[in-house]
Amino acid sequence: ANKGIYRRGSTKTMIENINSILNKIENE
């Protein structure tokens, strides 16, 4: 929560998370 996209971890997974969030909020 503190680092966001800049935290250590899989870049591919982070992109997938962003795509998932975008899909869930697309009508809001």
mmCIF file of all heavy atoms, coordinates in Angstrom:
data_MODEL
# 
_entry.id   MODEL 
# 
loop_
_atom_site.group_PDB 
_atom_site.id 
_atom_site.type_symbol 
_atom_site.label_atom_id 
_atom_site.label_alt_id 
_atom_site.label_comp_id 
_atom_site.label_asym_id 
_atom_site.label_entity_id 
_atom_site.label_seq_id 
_atom_site.pdbx_PDB_ins_code 
_atom_site.Cartn_x 
_atom_site.Cartn_y 
_atom_site.Cartn_z 
_atom_site.occupancy 
_atom_site.B_iso_or_equiv 
_atom_site.pdbx_formal_charge 
_atom_site.auth_seq_id 
_atom_site.auth_comp_id 
_atom_site.auth_asym_id 
_atom_site.auth_atom_id 
_atom_site.pdbx_PDB_model_num 
ATOM 1   N N   . ALA A 1 1  ? 0.826   -1.210  0.000   1.00 0.00 ? 1  ALA A N   1 
ATOM 2   C CA  . ALA A 1 1  ? 0.000   0.000   0.000   1.00 0.00 ? 1  ALA A CA  1 
ATOM 3   C C   . ALA A 1 1  ? 0.858   1.257   0.000   1.00 0.00 ? 1  ALA A C   1 
ATOM 4   O O   . ALA A 1 1  ? 0.484   2.276   -0.578  1.00 0.00 ? 1  ALA A O   1 
ATOM 5   C CB  . ALA A 1 1  ? -0.930  -0.003  1.221   1.00 0.00 ? 1  ALA A CB  1 
ATOM 6   N N   . ASN A 1 2  ? 2.028   1.187   0.624   1.00 0.00 ? 2  ASN A N   1 
ATOM 7   C CA  . ASN A 1 2  ? 2.897   2.355   0.738   1.00 0.00 ? 2  ASN A CA  1 
ATOM 8   C C   . ASN A 1 2  ? 3.664   2.620   -0.564  1.00 0.00 ? 2  ASN A C   1 
ATOM 9   O O   . ASN A 1 2  ? 3.786   3.766   -1.004  1.00 0.00 ? 2  ASN A O   1 
ATOM 10  C CB  . ASN A 1 2  ? 3.880   2.152   1.887   1.00 0.00 ? 2  ASN A CB  1 
ATOM 11  C CG  . ASN A 1 2  ? 4.715   3.389   2.148   1.00 0.00 ? 2  ASN A CG  1 
ATOM 12  O OD1 . ASN A 1 2  ? 4.224   4.516   2.047   1.00 0.00 ? 2  ASN A OD1 1 
ATOM 13  N ND2 . ASN A 1 2  ? 5.982   3.193   2.462   1.00 0.00 ? 2  ASN A ND2 1 
ATOM 14  N N   . LYS A 1 3  ? 4.152   1.567   -1.195  1.00 0.00 ? 3  LYS A N   1 
ATOM 15  C CA  . LYS A 1 3  ? 5.009   1.733   -2.377  1.00 0.00 ? 3  LYS A CA  1 
ATOM 16  C C   . LYS A 1 3  ? 4.240   1.721   -3.692  1.00 0.00 ? 3  LYS A C   1 
ATOM 17  O O   . LYS A 1 3  ? 4.706   2.276   -4.694  1.00 0.00 ? 3  LYS A O   1 
ATOM 18  C CB  . LYS A 1 3  ? 6.071   0.629   -2.408  1.00 0.00 ? 3  LYS A CB  1 
ATOM 19  C CG  . LYS A 1 3  ? 7.028   0.645   -1.225  1.00 0.00 ? 3  LYS A CG  1 
ATOM 20  C CD  . LYS A 1 3  ? 7.897   1.877   -1.255  1.00 0.00 ? 3  LYS A CD  1 
ATOM 21  C CE  . LYS A 1 3  ? 8.935   1.838   -0.127  1.00 0.00 ? 3  LYS A CE  1 
ATOM 22  N NZ  . LYS A 1 3  ? 9.806   3.047   -0.131  1.00 0.00 ? 3  LYS A NZ  1 
ATOM 23  N N   . GLY A 1 4  ? 3.095   1.078   -3.747  1.00 0.00 ? 4  GLY A N   1 
ATOM 24  C CA  . GLY A 1 4  ? 2.310   1.017   -4.974  1.00 0.00 ? 4  GLY A CA  1 
ATOM 25  C C   . GLY A 1 4  ? 3.025   0.281   -6.082  1.00 0.00 ? 4  GLY A C   1 
ATOM 26  O O   . GLY A 1 4  ? 3.559   -0.808  -5.871  1.00 0.00 ? 4  GLY A O   1 
ATOM 27  N N   . ILE A 1 5  ? 3.109   0.889   -7.254  1.00 0.00 ? 5  ILE A N   1 
ATOM 28  C CA  . ILE A 1 5  ? 3.747   0.210   -8.396  1.00 0.00 ? 5  ILE A CA  1 
ATOM 29  C C   . ILE A 1 5  ? 5.251   0.119   -8.241  1.00 0.00 ? 5  ILE A C   1 
ATOM 30  O O   . ILE A 1 5  ? 5.914   -0.593  -9.003  1.00 0.00 ? 5  ILE A O   1 
ATOM 31  C CB  . ILE A 1 5  ? 3.417   0.911   -9.734  1.00 0.00 ? 5  ILE A CB  1 
ATOM 32  C CG1 . ILE A 1 5  ? 4.059   2.309   -9.768  1.00 0.00 ? 5  ILE A CG1 1 
ATOM 33  C CG2 . ILE A 1 5  ? 1.919   0.983   -9.969  1.00 0.00 ? 5  ILE A CG2 1 
ATOM 34  C CD1 . ILE A 1 5  ? 4.064   2.921   -11.166 1.00 0.00 ? 5  ILE A CD1 1 
ATOM 35  N N   . TYR A 1 6  ? 5.787   0.837   -7.257  1.00 0.00 ? 6  TYR A N   1 
ATOM 36  C CA  . TYR A 1 6  ? 7.233   0.857   -7.088  1.00 0.00 ? 6  TYR A CA  1 
ATOM 37  C C   . TYR A 1 6  ? 7.736   -0.185  -6.092  1.00 0.00 ? 6  TYR A C   1 
ATOM 38  O O   . TYR A 1 6  ? 8.915   -0.233  -5.779  1.00 0.00 ? 6  TYR A O   1 
ATOM 39  C CB  . TYR A 1 6  ? 7.690   2.254   -6.660  1.00 0.00 ? 6  TYR A CB  1 
ATOM 40  C CG  . TYR A 1 6  ? 7.319   3.312   -7.674  1.00 0.00 ? 6  TYR A CG  1 
ATOM 41  C CD1 . TYR A 1 6  ? 6.286   4.203   -7.430  1.00 0.00 ? 6  TYR A CD1 1 
ATOM 42  C CD2 . TYR A 1 6  ? 7.991   3.381   -8.895  1.00 0.00 ? 6  TYR A CD2 1 
ATOM 43  C CE1 . TYR A 1 6  ? 5.930   5.167   -8.367  1.00 0.00 ? 6  TYR A CE1 1 
ATOM 44  C CE2 . TYR A 1 6  ? 7.639   4.333   -9.845  1.00 0.00 ? 6  TYR A CE2 1 
ATOM 45  C CZ  . TYR A 1 6  ? 6.607   5.222   -9.574  1.00 0.00 ? 6  TYR A CZ  1 
ATOM 46  O OH  . TYR A 1 6  ? 6.260   6.153   -10.519 1.00 0.00 ? 6  TYR A OH  1 
ATOM 47  N N   . ARG A 1 7  ? 6.839   -1.006  -5.592  1.00 0.00 ? 7  ARG A N   1 
ATOM 48  C CA  . ARG A 1 7  ? 7.281   -2.051  -4.664  1.00 0.00 ? 7  ARG A CA  1 
ATOM 49  C C   . ARG A 1 7  ? 8.003   -3.148  -5.446  1.00 0.00 ? 7  ARG A C   1 
ATOM 50  O O   . ARG A 1 7  ? 7.818   -3.295  -6.665  1.00 0.00 ? 7  ARG A O   1 
ATOM 51  C CB  . ARG A 1 7  ? 6.089   -2.643  -3.915  1.00 0.00 ? 7  ARG A CB  1 
ATOM 52  C CG  . ARG A 1 7  ? 5.155   -3.477  -4.800  1.00 0.00 ? 7  ARG A CG  1 
ATOM 53  C CD  . ARG A 1 7  ? 4.026   -4.083  -3.995  1.00 0.00 ? 7  ARG A CD  1 
ATOM 54  N NE  . ARG A 1 7  ? 3.123   -4.846  -4.842  1.00 0.00 ? 7  ARG A NE  1 
ATOM 55  C CZ  . ARG A 1 7  ? 3.318   -6.099  -5.193  1.00 0.00 ? 7  ARG A CZ  1 
ATOM 56  N NH1 . ARG A 1 7  ? 4.425   -6.730  -4.828  1.00 0.00 ? 7  ARG A NH1 1 
ATOM 57  N NH2 . ARG A 1 7  ? 2.427   -6.732  -5.939  1.00 0.00 ? 7  ARG A NH2 1 
ATOM 58  N N   . ARG A 1 8  ? 8.781   -3.931  -4.720  1.00 0.00 ? 8  ARG A N   1 
ATOM 59  C CA  . ARG A 1 8  ? 9.475   -5.044  -5.351  1.00 0.00 ? 8  ARG A CA  1 
ATOM 60  C C   . ARG A 1 8  ? 8.469   -6.146  -5.676  1.00 0.00 ? 8  ARG A C   1 
ATOM 61  O O   . ARG A 1 8  ? 7.564   -6.427  -4.918  1.00 0.00 ? 8  ARG A O   1 
ATOM 62  C CB  . ARG A 1 8  ? 10.548  -5.605  -4.423  1.00 0.00 ? 8  ARG A CB  1 
ATOM 63  C CG  . ARG A 1 8  ? 11.710  -4.648  -4.196  1.00 0.00 ? 8  ARG A CG  1 
ATOM 64  C CD  . ARG A 1 8  ? 12.715  -5.272  -3.269  1.00 0.00 ? 8  ARG A CD  1 
ATOM 65  N NE  . ARG A 1 8  ? 13.842  -4.355  -3.026  1.00 0.00 ? 8  ARG A NE  1 
ATOM 66  C CZ  . ARG A 1 8  ? 14.848  -4.631  -2.206  1.00 0.00 ? 8  ARG A CZ  1 
ATOM 67  N NH1 . ARG A 1 8  ? 14.869  -5.797  -1.562  1.00 0.00 ? 8  ARG A NH1 1 
ATOM 68  N NH2 . ARG A 1 8  ? 15.827  -3.768  -2.040  1.00 0.00 ? 8  ARG A NH2 1 
ATOM 69  N N   . GLY A 1 9  ? 8.629   -6.757  -6.820  1.00 0.00 ? 9  GLY A N   1 
ATOM 70  C CA  . GLY A 1 9  ? 7.723   -7.832  -7.194  1.00 0.00 ? 9  GLY A CA  1 
ATOM 71  C C   . GLY A 1 9  ? 7.644   -7.953  -8.699  1.00 0.00 ? 9  GLY A C   1 
ATOM 72  O O   . GLY A 1 9  ? 8.344   -7.261  -9.451  1.00 0.00 ? 9  GLY A O   1 
ATOM 73  N N   . SER A 1 10 ? 6.789   -8.845  -9.156  1.00 0.00 ? 10 SER A N   1 
ATOM 74  C CA  . SER A 1 10 ? 6.642   -9.113  -10.586 1.00 0.00 ? 10 SER A CA  1 
ATOM 75  C C   . SER A 1 10 ? 5.956   -7.948  -11.285 1.00 0.00 ? 10 SER A C   1 
ATOM 76  O O   . SER A 1 10 ? 4.855   -7.540  -10.912 1.00 0.00 ? 10 SER A O   1 
ATOM 77  C CB  . SER A 1 10 ? 5.811   -10.390 -10.786 1.00 0.00 ? 10 SER A CB  1 
ATOM 78  O OG  . SER A 1 10 ? 5.435   -10.521 -12.133 1.00 0.00 ? 10 SER A OG  1 
ATOM 79  N N   . THR A 1 11 ? 6.651   -7.413  -12.313 1.00 0.00 ? 11 THR A N   1 
ATOM 80  C CA  . THR A 1 11 ? 6.063   -6.334  -13.099 1.00 0.00 ? 11 THR A CA  1 
ATOM 81  C C   . THR A 1 11 ? 4.839   -6.837  -13.849 1.00 0.00 ? 11 THR A C   1 
ATOM 82  O O   . THR A 1 11 ? 3.829   -6.146  -13.966 1.00 0.00 ? 11 THR A O   1 
ATOM 83  C CB  . THR A 1 11 ? 7.088   -5.781  -14.102 1.00 0.00 ? 11 THR A CB  1 
ATOM 84  O OG1 . THR A 1 11 ? 8.238   -5.327  -13.399 1.00 0.00 ? 11 THR A OG1 1 
ATOM 85  C CG2 . THR A 1 11 ? 6.504   -4.627  -14.898 1.00 0.00 ? 11 THR A CG2 1 
ATOM 86  N N   . LYS A 1 12 ? 4.910   -8.047  -14.328 1.00 0.00 ? 12 LYS A N   1 
ATOM 87  C CA  . LYS A 1 12 ? 3.794   -8.650  -15.059 1.00 0.00 ? 12 LYS A CA  1 
ATOM 88  C C   . LYS A 1 12 ? 2.556   -8.742  -14.171 1.00 0.00 ? 12 LYS A C   1 
ATOM 89  O O   . LYS A 1 12 ? 1.442   -8.421  -14.592 1.00 0.00 ? 12 LYS A O   1 
ATOM 90  C CB  . LYS A 1 12 ? 4.197   -10.040 -15.548 1.00 0.00 ? 12 LYS A CB  1 
ATOM 91  C CG  . LYS A 1 12 ? 3.117   -10.769 -16.334 1.00 0.00 ? 12 LYS A CG  1 
ATOM 92  C CD  . LYS A 1 12 ? 3.665   -12.077 -16.885 1.00 0.00 ? 12 LYS A CD  1 
ATOM 93  C CE  . LYS A 1 12 ? 2.592   -12.838 -17.660 1.00 0.00 ? 12 LYS A CE  1 
ATOM 94  N NZ  . LYS A 1 12 ? 1.514   -13.327 -16.808 1.00 0.00 ? 12 LYS A NZ  1 
ATOM 95  N N   . THR A 1 13 ? 2.753   -9.151  -12.923 1.00 0.00 ? 13 THR A N   1 
ATOM 96  C CA  . THR A 1 13 ? 1.639   -9.269  -11.991 1.00 0.00 ? 13 THR A CA  1 
ATOM 97  C C   . THR A 1 13 ? 1.032   -7.895  -11.681 1.00 0.00 ? 13 THR A C   1 
ATOM 98  O O   . THR A 1 13 ? -0.188  -7.745  -11.596 1.00 0.00 ? 13 THR A O   1 
ATOM 99  C CB  . THR A 1 13 ? 2.108   -9.924  -10.674 1.00 0.00 ? 13 THR A CB  1 
ATOM 100 O OG1 . THR A 1 13 ? 2.618   -11.230 -10.962 1.00 0.00 ? 13 THR A OG1 1 
ATOM 101 C CG2 . THR A 1 13 ? 0.956   -10.036 -9.679  1.00 0.00 ? 13 THR A CG2 1 
ATOM 102 N N   . MET A 1 14 ? 1.904   -6.888  -11.555 1.00 0.00 ? 14 MET A N   1 
ATOM 103 C CA  . MET A 1 14 ? 1.421   -5.534  -11.262 1.00 0.00 ? 14 MET A CA  1 
ATOM 104 C C   . MET A 1 14 ? 0.583   -5.016  -12.428 1.00 0.00 ? 14 MET A C   1 
ATOM 105 O O   . MET A 1 14 ? -0.464  -4.395  -12.228 1.00 0.00 ? 14 MET A O   1 
ATOM 106 C CB  . MET A 1 14 ? 2.597   -4.602  -11.006 1.00 0.00 ? 14 MET A CB  1 
ATOM 107 C CG  . MET A 1 14 ? 2.178   -3.183  -10.639 1.00 0.00 ? 14 MET A CG  1 
ATOM 108 S SD  . MET A 1 14 ? 1.287   -3.102  -9.074  1.00 0.00 ? 14 MET A SD  1 
ATOM 109 C CE  . MET A 1 14 ? 2.629   -3.453  -7.927  1.00 0.00 ? 14 MET A CE  1 
ATOM 110 N N   . ILE A 1 15 ? 1.014   -5.282  -13.654 1.00 0.00 ? 15 ILE A N   1 
ATOM 111 C CA  . ILE A 1 15 ? 0.244   -4.862  -14.832 1.00 0.00 ? 15 ILE A CA  1 
ATOM 112 C C   . ILE A 1 15 ? -1.107  -5.567  -14.853 1.00 0.00 ? 15 ILE A C   1 
ATOM 113 O O   . ILE A 1 15 ? -2.138  -4.960  -15.157 1.00 0.00 ? 15 ILE A O   1 
ATOM 114 C CB  . ILE A 1 15 ? 1.035   -5.155  -16.129 1.00 0.00 ? 15 ILE A CB  1 
ATOM 115 C CG1 . ILE A 1 15 ? 2.287   -4.283  -16.194 1.00 0.00 ? 15 ILE A CG1 1 
ATOM 116 C CG2 . ILE A 1 15 ? 0.153   -4.926  -17.365 1.00 0.00 ? 15 ILE A CG2 1 
ATOM 117 C CD1 . ILE A 1 15 ? 3.238   -4.637  -17.326 1.00 0.00 ? 15 ILE A CD1 1 
ATOM 118 N N   . GLU A 1 16 ? -1.115  -6.851  -14.509 1.00 0.00 ? 16 GLU A N   1 
ATOM 119 C CA  . GLU A 1 16 ? -2.372  -7.611  -14.460 1.00 0.00 ? 16 GLU A CA  1 
ATOM 120 C C   . GLU A 1 16 ? -3.320  -7.045  -13.402 1.00 0.00 ? 16 GLU A C   1 
ATOM 121 O O   . GLU A 1 16 ? -4.531  -6.973  -13.620 1.00 0.00 ? 16 GLU A O   1 
ATOM 122 C CB  . GLU A 1 16 ? -2.074  -9.080  -14.171 1.00 0.00 ? 16 GLU A CB  1 
ATOM 123 C CG  . GLU A 1 16 ? -1.398  -9.792  -15.337 1.00 0.00 ? 16 GLU A CG  1 
ATOM 124 C CD  . GLU A 1 16 ? -0.987  -11.206 -14.984 1.00 0.00 ? 16 GLU A CD  1 
ATOM 125 O OE1 . GLU A 1 16 ? -1.112  -11.579 -13.785 1.00 0.00 ? 16 GLU A OE1 1 
ATOM 126 O OE2 . GLU A 1 16 ? -0.547  -11.945 -15.894 1.00 0.00 ? 16 GLU A OE2 1 
ATOM 127 N N   . ASN A 1 17 ? -2.754  -6.626  -12.266 1.00 0.00 ? 17 ASN A N   1 
ATOM 128 C CA  . ASN A 1 17 ? -3.581  -6.027  -11.206 1.00 0.00 ? 17 ASN A CA  1 
ATOM 129 C C   . ASN A 1 17 ? -4.209  -4.717  -11.673 1.00 0.00 ? 17 ASN A C   1 
ATOM 130 O O   . ASN A 1 17 ? -5.382  -4.451  -11.414 1.00 0.00 ? 17 ASN A O   1 
ATOM 131 C CB  . ASN A 1 17 ? -2.734  -5.778  -9.949  1.00 0.00 ? 17 ASN A CB  1 
ATOM 132 C CG  . ASN A 1 17 ? -2.395  -7.060  -9.219  1.00 0.00 ? 17 ASN A CG  1 
ATOM 133 O OD1 . ASN A 1 17 ? -3.076  -8.069  -9.353  1.00 0.00 ? 17 ASN A OD1 1 
ATOM 134 N ND2 . ASN A 1 17 ? -1.316  -7.024  -8.441  1.00 0.00 ? 17 ASN A ND2 1 
ATOM 135 N N   . ILE A 1 18 ? -3.404  -3.908  -12.371 1.00 0.00 ? 18 ILE A N   1 
ATOM 136 C CA  . ILE A 1 18 ? -3.926  -2.631  -12.884 1.00 0.00 ? 18 ILE A CA  1 
ATOM 137 C C   . ILE A 1 18 ? -5.040  -2.882  -13.898 1.00 0.00 ? 18 ILE A C   1 
ATOM 138 O O   . ILE A 1 18 ? -6.090  -2.228  -13.871 1.00 0.00 ? 18 ILE A O   1 
ATOM 139 C CB  . ILE A 1 18 ? -2.799  -1.796  -13.514 1.00 0.00 ? 18 ILE A CB  1 
ATOM 140 C CG1 . ILE A 1 18 ? -1.854  -1.286  -12.429 1.00 0.00 ? 18 ILE A CG1 1 
ATOM 141 C CG2 . ILE A 1 18 ? -3.377  -0.624  -14.321 1.00 0.00 ? 18 ILE A CG2 1 
ATOM 142 C CD1 . ILE A 1 18 ? -0.664  -0.512  -12.948 1.00 0.00 ? 18 ILE A CD1 1 
ATOM 143 N N   . ASN A 1 19 ? -4.830  -3.856  -14.803 1.00 0.00 ? 19 ASN A N   1 
ATOM 144 C CA  . ASN A 1 19 ? -5.860  -4.176  -15.794 1.00 0.00 ? 19 ASN A CA  1 
ATOM 145 C C   . ASN A 1 19 ? -7.146  -4.648  -15.124 1.00 0.00 ? 19 ASN A C   1 
ATOM 146 O O   . ASN A 1 19 ? -8.253  -4.302  -15.557 1.00 0.00 ? 19 ASN A O   1 
ATOM 147 C CB  . ASN A 1 19 ? -5.352  -5.250  -16.759 1.00 0.00 ? 19 ASN A CB  1 
ATOM 148 C CG  . ASN A 1 19 ? -4.312  -4.714  -17.723 1.00 0.00 ? 19 ASN A CG  1 
ATOM 149 O OD1 . ASN A 1 19 ? -4.299  -3.516  -18.027 1.00 0.00 ? 19 ASN A OD1 1 
ATOM 150 N ND2 . ASN A 1 19 ? -3.443  -5.589  -18.202 1.00 0.00 ? 19 ASN A ND2 1 
ATOM 151 N N   . SER A 1 20 ? -6.998  -5.431  -14.067 1.00 0.00 ? 20 SER A N   1 
ATOM 152 C CA  . SER A 1 20 ? -8.163  -5.940  -13.342 1.00 0.00 ? 20 SER A CA  1 
ATOM 153 C C   . SER A 1 20 ? -8.937  -4.798  -12.676 1.00 0.00 ? 20 SER A C   1 
ATOM 154 O O   . SER A 1 20 ? -10.163 -4.742  -12.723 1.00 0.00 ? 20 SER A O   1 
ATOM 155 C CB  . SER A 1 20 ? -7.721  -6.953  -12.281 1.00 0.00 ? 20 SER A CB  1 
ATOM 156 O OG  . SER A 1 20 ? -8.838  -7.405  -11.536 1.00 0.00 ? 20 SER A OG  1 
ATOM 157 N N   . ILE A 1 21 ? -8.186  -3.860  -12.056 1.00 0.00 ? 21 ILE A N   1 
ATOM 158 C CA  . ILE A 1 21 ? -8.831  -2.704  -11.412 1.00 0.00 ? 21 ILE A CA  1 
ATOM 159 C C   . ILE A 1 21 ? -9.546  -1.843  -12.448 1.00 0.00 ? 21 ILE A C   1 
ATOM 160 O O   . ILE A 1 21 ? -10.687 -1.429  -12.242 1.00 0.00 ? 21 ILE A O   1 
ATOM 161 C CB  . ILE A 1 21 ? -7.793  -1.860  -10.642 1.00 0.00 ? 21 ILE A CB  1 
ATOM 162 C CG1 . ILE A 1 21 ? -7.222  -2.660  -9.468  1.00 0.00 ? 21 ILE A CG1 1 
ATOM 163 C CG2 . ILE A 1 21 ? -8.425  -0.565  -10.131 1.00 0.00 ? 21 ILE A CG2 1 
ATOM 164 C CD1 . ILE A 1 21 ? -6.039  -2.001  -8.787  1.00 0.00 ? 21 ILE A CD1 1 
ATOM 165 N N   . LEU A 1 22 ? -8.878  -1.605  -13.580 1.00 0.00 ? 22 LEU A N   1 
ATOM 166 C CA  . LEU A 1 22 ? -9.490  -0.799  -14.638 1.00 0.00 ? 22 LEU A CA  1 
ATOM 167 C C   . LEU A 1 22 ? -10.792 -1.428  -15.128 1.00 0.00 ? 22 LEU A C   1 
ATOM 168 O O   . LEU A 1 22 ? -11.772 -0.732  -15.412 1.00 0.00 ? 22 LEU A O   1 
ATOM 169 C CB  . LEU A 1 22 ? -8.515  -0.640  -15.808 1.00 0.00 ? 22 LEU A CB  1 
ATOM 170 C CG  . LEU A 1 22 ? -7.348  0.321   -15.588 1.00 0.00 ? 22 LEU A CG  1 
ATOM 171 C CD1 . LEU A 1 22 ? -6.313  0.188   -16.698 1.00 0.00 ? 22 LEU A CD1 1 
ATOM 172 C CD2 . LEU A 1 22 ? -7.850  1.767   -15.511 1.00 0.00 ? 22 LEU A CD2 1 
ATOM 173 N N   . ASN A 1 23 ? -10.802 -2.743  -15.210 1.00 0.00 ? 23 ASN A N   1 
ATOM 174 C CA  . ASN A 1 23 ? -12.000 -3.450  -15.649 1.00 0.00 ? 23 ASN A CA  1 
ATOM 175 C C   . ASN A 1 23 ? -13.139 -3.303  -14.637 1.00 0.00 ? 23 ASN A C   1 
ATOM 176 O O   . ASN A 1 23 ? -14.304 -3.143  -15.005 1.00 0.00 ? 23 ASN A O   1 
ATOM 177 C CB  . ASN A 1 23 ? -11.662 -4.931  -15.862 1.00 0.00 ? 23 ASN A CB  1 
ATOM 178 C CG  . ASN A 1 23 ? -12.863 -5.707  -16.356 1.00 0.00 ? 23 ASN A CG  1 
ATOM 179 O OD1 . ASN A 1 23 ? -13.432 -5.407  -17.406 1.00 0.00 ? 23 ASN A OD1 1 
ATOM 180 N ND2 . ASN A 1 23 ? -13.246 -6.723  -15.596 1.00 0.00 ? 23 ASN A ND2 1 
ATOM 181 N N   . LYS A 1 24 ? -12.798 -3.318  -13.346 1.00 0.00 ? 24 LYS A N   1 
ATOM 182 C CA  . LYS A 1 24 ? -13.818 -3.250  -12.302 1.00 0.00 ? 24 LYS A CA  1 
ATOM 183 C C   . LYS A 1 24 ? -14.388 -1.849  -12.103 1.00 0.00 ? 24 LYS A C   1 
ATOM 184 O O   . LYS A 1 24 ? -15.493 -1.696  -11.592 1.00 0.00 ? 24 LYS A O   1 
ATOM 185 C CB  . LYS A 1 24 ? -13.242 -3.776  -10.988 1.00 0.00 ? 24 LYS A CB  1 
ATOM 186 C CG  . LYS A 1 24 ? -12.993 -5.272  -11.011 1.00 0.00 ? 24 LYS A CG  1 
ATOM 187 C CD  . LYS A 1 24 ? -12.248 -5.758  -9.776  1.00 0.00 ? 24 LYS A CD  1 
ATOM 188 C CE  . LYS A 1 24 ? -11.989 -7.259  -9.873  1.00 0.00 ? 24 LYS A CE  1 
ATOM 189 N NZ  . LYS A 1 24 ? -11.197 -7.774  -8.733  1.00 0.00 ? 24 LYS A NZ  1 
ATOM 190 N N   . ILE A 1 25 ? -13.628 -0.828  -12.501 1.00 0.00 ? 25 ILE A N   1 
ATOM 191 C CA  . ILE A 1 25 ? -14.106 0.545   -12.270 1.00 0.00 ? 25 ILE A CA  1 
ATOM 192 C C   . ILE A 1 25 ? -14.508 1.242   -13.560 1.00 0.00 ? 25 ILE A C   1 
ATOM 193 O O   . ILE A 1 25 ? -14.803 2.441   -13.557 1.00 0.00 ? 25 ILE A O   1 
ATOM 194 C CB  . ILE A 1 25 ? -13.031 1.395   -11.552 1.00 0.00 ? 25 ILE A CB  1 
ATOM 195 C CG1 . ILE A 1 25 ? -11.825 1.638   -12.460 1.00 0.00 ? 25 ILE A CG1 1 
ATOM 196 C CG2 . ILE A 1 25 ? -12.619 0.763   -10.240 1.00 0.00 ? 25 ILE A CG2 1 
ATOM 197 C CD1 . ILE A 1 25 ? -10.828 2.636   -11.903 1.00 0.00 ? 25 ILE A CD1 1 
ATOM 198 N N   . GLU A 1 26 ? -14.552 0.503   -14.671 1.00 0.00 ? 26 GLU A N   1 
ATOM 199 C CA  . GLU A 1 26 ? -14.754 1.142   -15.968 1.00 0.00 ? 26 GLU A CA  1 
ATOM 200 C C   . GLU A 1 26 ? -16.106 1.860   -16.081 1.00 0.00 ? 26 GLU A C   1 
ATOM 201 O O   . GLU A 1 26 ? -16.239 2.807   -16.871 1.00 0.00 ? 26 GLU A O   1 
ATOM 202 C CB  . GLU A 1 26 ? -14.630 0.107   -17.089 1.00 0.00 ? 26 GLU A CB  1 
ATOM 203 C CG  . GLU A 1 26 ? -15.672 -0.994  -17.069 1.00 0.00 ? 26 GLU A CG  1 
ATOM 204 C CD  . GLU A 1 26 ? -15.510 -1.952  -18.240 1.00 0.00 ? 26 GLU A CD  1 
ATOM 205 O OE1 . GLU A 1 26 ? -14.775 -1.604  -19.181 1.00 0.00 ? 26 GLU A OE1 1 
ATOM 206 O OE2 . GLU A 1 26 ? -16.115 -3.047  -18.191 1.00 0.00 ? 26 GLU A OE2 1 
ATOM 207 N N   . ASN A 1 27 ? -17.108 1.447   -15.327 1.00 0.00 ? 27 ASN A N   1 
ATOM 208 C CA  . ASN A 1 27 ? -18.436 2.072   -15.423 1.00 0.00 ? 27 ASN A CA  1 
ATOM 209 C C   . ASN A 1 27 ? -18.730 3.045   -14.282 1.00 0.00 ? 27 ASN A C   1 
ATOM 210 O O   . ASN A 1 27 ? -19.875 3.450   -14.100 1.00 0.00 ? 27 ASN A O   1 
ATOM 211 C CB  . ASN A 1 27 ? -19.511 0.981   -15.450 1.00 0.00 ? 27 ASN A CB  1 
ATOM 212 C CG  . ASN A 1 27 ? -19.406 0.098   -16.676 1.00 0.00 ? 27 ASN A CG  1 
ATOM 213 O OD1 . ASN A 1 27 ? -19.153 0.573   -17.777 1.00 0.00 ? 27 ASN A OD1 1 
ATOM 214 N ND2 . ASN A 1 27 ? -19.618 -1.195  -16.473 1.00 0.00 ? 27 ASN A ND2 1 
ATOM 215 N N   . GLU A 1 28 ? -17.713 3.413   -13.522 1.00 0.00 ? 28 GLU A N   1 
ATOM 216 C CA  . GLU A 1 28 ? -17.936 4.229   -12.330 1.00 0.00 ? 28 GLU A CA  1 
ATOM 217 C C   . GLU A 1 28 ? -17.598 5.709   -12.507 1.00 0.00 ? 28 GLU A C   1 
ATOM 218 O O   . GLU A 1 28 ? -17.600 6.465   -11.544 1.00 0.00 ? 28 GLU A O   1 
ATOM 219 C CB  . GLU A 1 28 ? -17.099 3.673   -11.155 1.00 0.00 ? 28 GLU A CB  1 
ATOM 220 C CG  . GLU A 1 28 ? -17.315 2.201   -10.875 1.00 0.00 ? 28 GLU A CG  1 
ATOM 221 C CD  . GLU A 1 28 ? -18.753 1.855   -10.550 1.00 0.00 ? 28 GLU A CD  1 
ATOM 222 O OE1 . GLU A 1 28 ? -19.524 2.778   -10.225 1.00 0.00 ? 28 GLU A OE1 1 
ATOM 223 O OE2 . GLU A 1 28 ? -19.106 0.665   -10.635 1.00 0.00 ? 28 GLU A OE2 1 
# 
